């Protein structure tokens, strides 16, 4: 029955339906991530936790020419790619990160994006040998971490 309905639809109708579904999915995902990121940034700032994060993670993040609070975007990216990017954008709009720092972080946010959900959907469901799970996670995070200094070099700001 569904095949008959699809056959009766024109290419433009099928395209428009697919585009509409993609638009809805993108808007729901992005808006949710943006609202969550801005709410998180507000809570961190209002509670004083932003200062604590800055102090605790500054030595580690300083290696990558980033402020300590940039760790929030990387942690958010582990849960959701749009969430990590939205958190970085929120830090940028608050003046915490510069455009160069956000650009340097972007590949790491994309590479790590949604690691937790991907891990469950792909690694666990596929039945991968459990002894290899830590290696798979470490590989993903390692490549993401290495992308930050590489981006700093490519951007010409490694000495910042």
N, C-alpha and C. Protein backbone atom coordinates (compact mmCIF):
# COMPACT_ATOMS: atom_id res chain seq x y z
N UNK A 1 0.82 -1.19 0.00
CA UNK A 1 0.00 0.00 0.00
C UNK A 1 0.87 1.25 0.00
N UNK A 2 1.91 1.27 0.87
CA UNK A 2 2.77 2.44 0.95
C UNK A 2 3.55 2.62 -0.34
N UNK A 3 3.96 1.52 -0.98
CA UNK A 3 4.68 1.59 -2.23
C UNK A 3 3.82 2.23 -3.31
N UNK A 4 2.51 1.93 -3.30
CA UNK A 4 1.61 2.52 -4.27
C UNK A 4 1.51 4.03 -4.05
N UNK A 5 1.41 4.46 -2.79
CA UNK A 5 1.32 5.89 -2.50
C UNK A 5 2.60 6.61 -2.92
N UNK A 6 3.76 5.99 -2.69
CA UNK A 6 5.02 6.59 -3.07
C UNK A 6 5.12 6.69 -4.58
N UNK A 7 4.65 5.67 -5.28
CA UNK A 7 4.72 5.68 -6.73
C UNK A 7 3.84 6.78 -7.32
N UNK A 8 2.77 7.14 -6.66
CA UNK A 8 1.87 8.17 -7.16
C UNK A 8 2.39 9.58 -6.90
N UNK A 9 3.35 9.71 -5.97
CA UNK A 9 3.87 11.03 -5.63
C UNK A 9 4.95 11.44 -6.63
N UNK A 10 5.01 12.73 -6.90
CA UNK A 10 6.04 13.23 -7.81
C UNK A 10 7.36 13.35 -7.06
N UNK A 11 8.41 13.51 -7.82
CA UNK A 11 9.73 13.68 -7.24
C UNK A 11 9.76 14.89 -6.31
N UNK A 12 9.14 15.97 -6.73
CA UNK A 12 9.12 17.20 -5.92
C UNK A 12 8.39 16.97 -4.60
N UNK A 13 7.28 16.23 -4.61
CA UNK A 13 6.55 15.93 -3.38
C UNK A 13 7.38 15.10 -2.42
N UNK A 14 8.04 14.09 -2.96
CA UNK A 14 8.89 13.23 -2.13
C UNK A 14 10.05 14.05 -1.55
N UNK A 15 10.65 14.88 -2.39
CA UNK A 15 11.74 15.73 -1.93
C UNK A 15 11.27 16.67 -0.83
N UNK A 16 10.13 17.30 -1.03
CA UNK A 16 9.60 18.26 -0.05
C UNK A 16 9.29 17.56 1.28
N UNK A 17 8.72 16.36 1.23
CA UNK A 17 8.44 15.61 2.46
C UNK A 17 9.73 15.30 3.21
N UNK A 18 10.73 14.85 2.48
CA UNK A 18 12.02 14.55 3.10
C UNK A 18 12.68 15.79 3.68
N UNK A 19 12.62 16.89 2.94
CA UNK A 19 13.20 18.14 3.41
C UNK A 19 12.48 18.62 4.67
N UNK A 20 11.17 18.48 4.69
CA UNK A 20 10.38 18.91 5.85
C UNK A 20 10.74 18.07 7.07
N UNK A 21 10.86 16.75 6.88
CA UNK A 21 11.25 15.88 8.00
C UNK A 21 12.65 16.24 8.49
N UNK A 22 13.58 16.47 7.59
CA UNK A 22 14.94 16.85 7.96
C UNK A 22 14.97 18.19 8.69
N UNK A 23 14.19 19.14 8.21
CA UNK A 23 14.10 20.46 8.84
C UNK A 23 13.59 20.32 10.28
N UNK A 24 12.51 19.57 10.44
CA UNK A 24 11.94 19.39 11.78
C UNK A 24 12.93 18.72 12.73
N UNK A 25 13.60 17.68 12.25
CA UNK A 25 14.56 16.98 13.08
C UNK A 25 15.72 17.91 13.45
N UNK A 26 16.22 18.66 12.50
CA UNK A 26 17.33 19.58 12.75
C UNK A 26 16.96 20.68 13.72
N UNK A 27 15.80 21.27 13.50
CA UNK A 27 15.37 22.36 14.38
C UNK A 27 15.14 21.86 15.80
N UNK A 28 14.50 20.72 15.93
CA UNK A 28 14.27 20.17 17.28
C UNK A 28 15.58 19.87 17.97
N UNK A 29 16.49 19.26 17.27
CA UNK A 29 17.79 18.89 17.85
C UNK A 29 18.61 20.13 18.18
N UNK A 30 18.70 21.07 17.24
CA UNK A 30 19.53 22.25 17.45
C UNK A 30 18.94 23.17 18.51
N UNK A 31 17.65 23.41 18.45
CA UNK A 31 17.04 24.31 19.43
C UNK A 31 17.13 23.74 20.84
N UNK A 32 16.90 22.46 20.97
CA UNK A 32 17.03 21.83 22.28
C UNK A 32 18.45 21.98 22.80
N UNK A 33 19.43 21.73 21.94
CA UNK A 33 20.83 21.85 22.35
C UNK A 33 21.18 23.28 22.72
N UNK A 34 20.71 24.23 21.94
CA UNK A 34 21.00 25.64 22.23
C UNK A 34 20.40 26.08 23.56
N UNK A 35 19.14 25.73 23.77
CA UNK A 35 18.48 26.11 25.03
C UNK A 35 19.20 25.47 26.21
N UNK A 36 19.54 24.20 26.08
CA UNK A 36 20.25 23.50 27.15
C UNK A 36 21.62 24.14 27.40
N UNK A 37 22.33 24.46 26.34
CA UNK A 37 23.67 25.05 26.49
C UNK A 37 23.60 26.41 27.17
N UNK A 38 22.67 27.25 26.73
CA UNK A 38 22.56 28.57 27.35
C UNK A 38 22.11 28.47 28.80
N UNK A 39 21.21 27.55 29.09
CA UNK A 39 20.77 27.35 30.48
C UNK A 39 21.93 26.86 31.34
N UNK A 40 22.71 25.93 30.81
CA UNK A 40 23.87 25.41 31.54
C UNK A 40 24.88 26.53 31.81
N UNK A 41 25.16 27.33 30.78
CA UNK A 41 26.12 28.42 30.96
C UNK A 41 25.62 29.43 32.00
N UNK A 42 24.32 29.71 31.98
CA UNK A 42 23.76 30.64 32.95
C UNK A 42 23.88 30.08 34.37
N UNK A 43 23.56 28.80 34.52
CA UNK A 43 23.65 28.17 35.85
C UNK A 43 25.09 28.14 36.35
N UNK A 44 26.02 27.82 35.45
CA UNK A 44 27.43 27.79 35.86
C UNK A 44 27.92 29.17 36.28
N UNK A 45 27.49 30.18 35.53
CA UNK A 45 27.91 31.54 35.84
C UNK A 45 27.26 32.03 37.14
N UNK A 46 25.96 31.80 37.28
CA UNK A 46 25.22 32.29 38.45
C UNK A 46 25.68 31.59 39.74
N UNK A 47 26.05 30.33 39.64
CA UNK A 47 26.45 29.58 40.84
C UNK A 47 27.91 29.79 41.21
N UNK A 48 28.67 30.39 40.30
CA UNK A 48 30.10 30.56 40.55
C UNK A 48 30.92 29.37 40.11
N UNK A 49 30.26 28.35 39.59
CA UNK A 49 30.96 27.15 39.14
C UNK A 49 31.86 27.44 37.94
N UNK A 50 31.52 28.46 37.16
CA UNK A 50 32.33 28.82 36.00
C UNK A 50 33.74 29.23 36.46
N UNK A 51 33.82 29.97 37.54
CA UNK A 51 35.11 30.38 38.09
C UNK A 51 35.88 29.15 38.58
N UNK A 52 35.18 28.24 39.22
CA UNK A 52 35.81 27.01 39.71
C UNK A 52 36.36 26.18 38.55
N UNK A 53 35.56 26.00 37.50
CA UNK A 53 36.00 25.25 36.33
C UNK A 53 37.22 25.91 35.70
N UNK A 54 37.18 27.23 35.62
CA UNK A 54 38.31 27.98 35.06
C UNK A 54 39.58 27.70 35.85
N UNK A 55 39.48 27.73 37.15
CA UNK A 55 40.64 27.52 38.02
C UNK A 55 41.16 26.08 37.94
N UNK A 56 40.26 25.12 38.01
CA UNK A 56 40.66 23.71 38.04
C UNK A 56 41.24 23.25 36.70
N UNK A 57 40.60 23.64 35.59
CA UNK A 57 41.01 23.11 34.29
C UNK A 57 41.94 24.02 33.49
N UNK A 58 42.26 25.19 34.01
CA UNK A 58 43.16 26.10 33.29
C UNK A 58 44.51 25.48 32.95
N UNK A 59 45.16 24.76 33.87
CA UNK A 59 46.47 24.19 33.51
C UNK A 59 46.39 23.21 32.32
N UNK A 60 45.39 22.36 32.32
CA UNK A 60 45.25 21.38 31.24
C UNK A 60 44.81 22.04 29.94
N UNK A 61 43.79 22.87 30.03
CA UNK A 61 43.27 23.51 28.82
C UNK A 61 44.24 24.56 28.27
N UNK A 62 45.08 25.10 29.16
CA UNK A 62 46.09 26.07 28.73
C UNK A 62 47.07 25.48 27.73
N UNK A 63 47.30 24.18 27.83
CA UNK A 63 48.18 23.49 26.87
C UNK A 63 47.64 23.67 25.45
N UNK A 64 46.33 23.76 25.34
CA UNK A 64 45.68 23.89 24.04
C UNK A 64 45.30 25.34 23.72
N UNK A 65 45.84 26.29 24.48
CA UNK A 65 45.53 27.72 24.31
C UNK A 65 44.05 28.01 24.53
N UNK A 66 43.46 27.31 25.48
CA UNK A 66 42.04 27.50 25.80
C UNK A 66 41.88 27.81 27.28
N UNK A 67 40.85 28.56 27.65
CA UNK A 67 40.58 28.77 29.07
C UNK A 67 40.02 27.49 29.69
N UNK A 68 40.14 27.35 30.98
CA UNK A 68 39.70 26.14 31.67
C UNK A 68 38.23 25.82 31.46
N UNK A 69 37.40 26.84 31.36
CA UNK A 69 35.96 26.63 31.24
C UNK A 69 35.58 26.00 29.89
N UNK A 70 36.50 25.99 28.94
CA UNK A 70 36.23 25.36 27.63
C UNK A 70 35.96 23.87 27.78
N UNK A 71 36.34 23.30 28.91
CA UNK A 71 36.08 21.88 29.17
C UNK A 71 34.59 21.59 29.13
N UNK A 72 33.75 22.58 29.47
CA UNK A 72 32.30 22.36 29.48
C UNK A 72 31.80 22.02 28.08
N UNK A 73 32.34 22.66 27.06
CA UNK A 73 31.92 22.37 25.68
C UNK A 73 32.35 20.97 25.28
N UNK A 74 33.56 20.57 25.68
CA UNK A 74 34.05 19.24 25.34
C UNK A 74 33.24 18.14 26.04
N UNK A 75 32.91 18.38 27.29
CA UNK A 75 32.09 17.40 28.02
C UNK A 75 30.68 17.33 27.43
N UNK A 76 30.12 18.49 27.09
CA UNK A 76 28.79 18.51 26.47
C UNK A 76 28.81 17.76 25.14
N UNK A 77 29.91 17.86 24.40
CA UNK A 77 30.02 17.17 23.12
C UNK A 77 30.01 15.66 23.28
N UNK A 78 30.50 15.16 24.41
CA UNK A 78 30.45 13.71 24.64
C UNK A 78 29.01 13.20 24.62
N UNK A 79 28.10 14.02 25.11
CA UNK A 79 26.69 13.63 25.16
C UNK A 79 25.98 13.91 23.84
N UNK A 80 26.30 15.06 23.24
CA UNK A 80 25.58 15.48 22.05
C UNK A 80 26.44 16.44 21.24
N UNK A 81 26.60 16.14 19.95
CA UNK A 81 27.38 17.01 19.08
C UNK A 81 26.80 18.41 19.04
N UNK A 82 25.48 18.56 18.80
CA UNK A 82 24.92 19.92 18.82
C UNK A 82 25.07 20.59 20.19
N UNK A 83 24.99 19.81 21.25
CA UNK A 83 25.15 20.37 22.59
C UNK A 83 26.55 20.92 22.82
N UNK A 84 27.55 20.21 22.35
CA UNK A 84 28.93 20.69 22.47
C UNK A 84 29.18 21.95 21.67
N UNK A 85 28.68 21.96 20.45
CA UNK A 85 28.84 23.15 19.60
C UNK A 85 28.07 24.32 20.19
N UNK A 86 26.86 24.07 20.65
CA UNK A 86 26.05 25.14 21.24
C UNK A 86 26.70 25.69 22.50
N UNK A 87 27.33 24.84 23.30
CA UNK A 87 28.02 25.30 24.50
C UNK A 87 29.21 26.17 24.11
N UNK A 88 29.95 25.77 23.09
CA UNK A 88 31.08 26.59 22.63
C UNK A 88 30.58 27.95 22.12
N UNK A 89 29.47 27.94 21.41
CA UNK A 89 28.89 29.19 20.91
C UNK A 89 28.44 30.06 22.08
N UNK A 90 27.84 29.44 23.09
CA UNK A 90 27.42 30.20 24.27
C UNK A 90 28.62 30.83 24.96
N UNK A 91 29.72 30.10 25.07
CA UNK A 91 30.94 30.65 25.67
C UNK A 91 31.49 31.79 24.81
N UNK A 92 31.36 31.65 23.51
CA UNK A 92 31.81 32.72 22.60
C UNK A 92 30.95 33.98 22.76
N UNK A 93 29.64 33.80 22.80
CA UNK A 93 28.75 34.97 22.91
C UNK A 93 28.92 35.67 24.25
N UNK A 94 29.37 34.94 25.27
CA UNK A 94 29.62 35.55 26.58
C UNK A 94 31.02 36.16 26.66
N UNK A 95 31.80 36.03 25.59
CA UNK A 95 33.13 36.60 25.57
C UNK A 95 34.18 35.76 26.27
N UNK A 96 33.84 34.53 26.61
CA UNK A 96 34.78 33.64 27.30
C UNK A 96 35.76 33.04 26.30
N UNK A 97 35.28 32.65 25.13
CA UNK A 97 36.11 32.10 24.06
C UNK A 97 36.19 33.10 22.91
N UNK A 98 37.33 33.10 22.22
CA UNK A 98 37.47 33.92 21.01
C UNK A 98 37.03 33.10 19.80
N UNK A 99 36.90 33.78 18.68
CA UNK A 99 36.52 33.07 17.45
C UNK A 99 37.59 32.05 17.06
N UNK A 100 38.84 32.36 17.29
CA UNK A 100 39.93 31.44 16.97
C UNK A 100 39.86 30.20 17.86
N UNK A 101 39.58 30.40 19.14
CA UNK A 101 39.50 29.28 20.07
C UNK A 101 38.33 28.36 19.72
N UNK A 102 37.19 28.93 19.36
CA UNK A 102 36.04 28.11 18.96
C UNK A 102 36.38 27.34 17.69
N UNK A 103 37.04 28.00 16.76
CA UNK A 103 37.43 27.33 15.51
C UNK A 103 38.40 26.19 15.79
N UNK A 104 39.33 26.40 16.70
CA UNK A 104 40.29 25.34 17.05
C UNK A 104 39.60 24.17 17.73
N UNK A 105 38.54 24.44 18.49
CA UNK A 105 37.82 23.38 19.19
C UNK A 105 36.84 22.62 18.30
N UNK A 106 36.39 23.25 17.22
CA UNK A 106 35.31 22.68 16.42
C UNK A 106 35.56 21.23 15.96
N UNK A 107 36.73 20.89 15.39
CA UNK A 107 36.94 19.49 15.00
C UNK A 107 36.84 18.52 16.18
N UNK A 108 37.34 18.93 17.35
CA UNK A 108 37.25 18.05 18.53
C UNK A 108 35.80 17.85 18.92
N UNK A 109 35.01 18.92 18.86
CA UNK A 109 33.59 18.80 19.20
C UNK A 109 32.86 17.86 18.24
N UNK A 110 33.22 17.94 16.98
CA UNK A 110 32.59 17.07 15.97
C UNK A 110 33.07 15.63 16.12
N UNK A 111 34.37 15.46 16.33
CA UNK A 111 34.92 14.10 16.46
C UNK A 111 34.40 13.38 17.69
N UNK A 112 34.24 14.10 18.80
CA UNK A 112 33.75 13.49 20.04
C UNK A 112 32.24 13.51 20.11
N UNK A 113 31.62 14.26 19.24
CA UNK A 113 30.19 14.52 19.32
C UNK A 113 29.34 13.27 19.47
N UNK A 114 28.62 13.22 20.55
CA UNK A 114 27.68 12.13 20.78
C UNK A 114 28.34 10.79 21.06
N UNK A 115 29.56 10.81 21.57
CA UNK A 115 30.29 9.55 21.82
C UNK A 115 29.50 8.59 22.69
N UNK A 116 28.83 9.10 23.71
CA UNK A 116 28.10 8.22 24.62
C UNK A 116 26.96 7.51 23.89
N UNK A 117 26.15 8.25 23.14
CA UNK A 117 25.04 7.61 22.44
C UNK A 117 25.52 6.73 21.30
N UNK A 118 26.58 7.15 20.61
CA UNK A 118 27.13 6.32 19.53
C UNK A 118 27.71 5.02 20.09
N UNK A 119 28.32 5.13 21.24
CA UNK A 119 28.90 3.95 21.89
C UNK A 119 27.82 2.90 22.13
N UNK A 120 26.70 3.34 22.65
CA UNK A 120 25.61 2.41 22.93
C UNK A 120 25.01 1.88 21.63
N UNK A 121 24.75 2.77 20.68
CA UNK A 121 24.09 2.36 19.44
C UNK A 121 24.96 1.47 18.57
N UNK A 122 26.26 1.74 18.53
CA UNK A 122 27.12 1.02 17.59
C UNK A 122 27.94 -0.07 18.28
N UNK A 123 28.72 0.30 19.28
CA UNK A 123 29.67 -0.64 19.88
C UNK A 123 28.96 -1.73 20.67
N UNK A 124 28.05 -1.35 21.53
CA UNK A 124 27.38 -2.33 22.37
C UNK A 124 26.45 -3.22 21.54
N UNK A 125 25.64 -2.60 20.69
CA UNK A 125 24.67 -3.35 19.90
C UNK A 125 25.37 -4.29 18.91
N UNK A 126 26.51 -3.88 18.37
CA UNK A 126 27.19 -4.72 17.37
C UNK A 126 27.89 -5.93 17.98
N UNK A 127 27.99 -5.95 19.30
CA UNK A 127 28.59 -7.11 19.95
C UNK A 127 30.11 -7.11 19.89
N UNK A 128 30.72 -5.93 19.80
CA UNK A 128 32.17 -5.82 19.78
C UNK A 128 32.75 -6.41 21.06
N UNK A 129 33.89 -7.05 20.93
CA UNK A 129 34.58 -7.65 22.07
C UNK A 129 34.75 -6.59 23.17
N UNK A 130 34.26 -6.89 24.37
CA UNK A 130 34.27 -5.92 25.48
C UNK A 130 35.67 -5.48 25.85
N UNK A 131 36.66 -6.30 25.62
CA UNK A 131 38.03 -5.91 25.97
C UNK A 131 38.53 -4.76 25.08
N UNK A 132 37.86 -4.55 23.96
CA UNK A 132 38.26 -3.47 23.03
C UNK A 132 37.49 -2.17 23.26
N UNK A 133 36.48 -2.19 24.10
CA UNK A 133 35.67 -0.99 24.33
C UNK A 133 36.50 0.19 24.82
N UNK A 134 37.38 0.02 25.82
CA UNK A 134 38.19 1.16 26.27
C UNK A 134 39.08 1.72 25.16
N UNK A 135 39.60 0.84 24.32
CA UNK A 135 40.44 1.29 23.21
C UNK A 135 39.63 2.12 22.21
N UNK A 136 38.41 1.69 21.94
CA UNK A 136 37.57 2.44 21.01
C UNK A 136 37.25 3.84 21.55
N UNK A 137 36.95 3.92 22.83
CA UNK A 137 36.65 5.22 23.44
C UNK A 137 37.91 6.08 23.48
N UNK A 138 39.02 5.50 23.92
CA UNK A 138 40.27 6.25 24.01
C UNK A 138 40.72 6.75 22.64
N UNK A 139 40.51 5.96 21.62
CA UNK A 139 40.88 6.35 20.26
C UNK A 139 40.09 7.58 19.83
N UNK A 140 38.79 7.55 20.06
CA UNK A 140 37.94 8.67 19.66
C UNK A 140 38.33 9.94 20.40
N UNK A 141 38.49 9.85 21.71
CA UNK A 141 38.85 11.03 22.50
C UNK A 141 40.27 11.48 22.16
N UNK A 142 41.18 10.53 21.96
CA UNK A 142 42.56 10.89 21.62
C UNK A 142 42.67 11.65 20.32
N UNK A 143 41.97 11.20 19.30
CA UNK A 143 41.99 11.89 18.01
C UNK A 143 41.38 13.28 18.16
N UNK A 144 40.31 13.38 18.93
CA UNK A 144 39.67 14.68 19.15
C UNK A 144 40.63 15.63 19.87
N UNK A 145 41.32 15.14 20.89
CA UNK A 145 42.25 15.98 21.65
C UNK A 145 43.41 16.42 20.75
N UNK A 146 43.91 15.53 19.93
CA UNK A 146 45.01 15.88 19.02
C UNK A 146 44.59 16.90 17.95
N UNK A 147 43.30 16.94 17.66
CA UNK A 147 42.84 17.88 16.63
C UNK A 147 42.95 19.34 17.08
N UNK A 148 42.94 19.59 18.40
CA UNK A 148 42.99 20.98 18.88
C UNK A 148 44.36 21.62 18.59
N UNK A 149 45.47 21.00 19.01
CA UNK A 149 46.75 21.63 18.65
C UNK A 149 46.99 21.67 17.14
N UNK A 150 46.50 20.65 16.43
CA UNK A 150 46.64 20.66 14.98
C UNK A 150 45.91 21.87 14.39
N UNK A 151 44.72 22.14 14.88
CA UNK A 151 43.98 23.31 14.41
C UNK A 151 44.70 24.60 14.79
N UNK A 152 45.28 24.64 15.99
CA UNK A 152 46.05 25.83 16.38
C UNK A 152 47.20 26.07 15.42
N UNK A 153 47.86 24.99 15.00
CA UNK A 153 48.97 25.11 14.05
C UNK A 153 48.44 25.58 12.70
N UNK A 154 47.36 24.94 12.25
CA UNK A 154 46.79 25.33 10.95
C UNK A 154 46.30 26.77 10.94
N UNK A 155 45.79 27.21 12.06
CA UNK A 155 45.30 28.59 12.16
C UNK A 155 46.43 29.59 12.37
N UNK A 156 47.62 29.09 12.68
CA UNK A 156 48.76 29.97 12.87
C UNK A 156 48.79 30.65 14.22
N UNK A 157 48.06 30.09 15.19
CA UNK A 157 47.99 30.70 16.50
C UNK A 157 48.53 29.78 17.59
N UNK A 158 49.43 28.89 17.25
CA UNK A 158 49.94 27.93 18.23
C UNK A 158 50.78 28.61 19.30
N UNK A 159 51.29 29.79 19.04
CA UNK A 159 52.12 30.47 20.03
C UNK A 159 51.31 31.35 20.98
N UNK A 160 49.99 31.41 20.81
CA UNK A 160 49.14 32.25 21.66
C UNK A 160 49.13 31.77 23.06
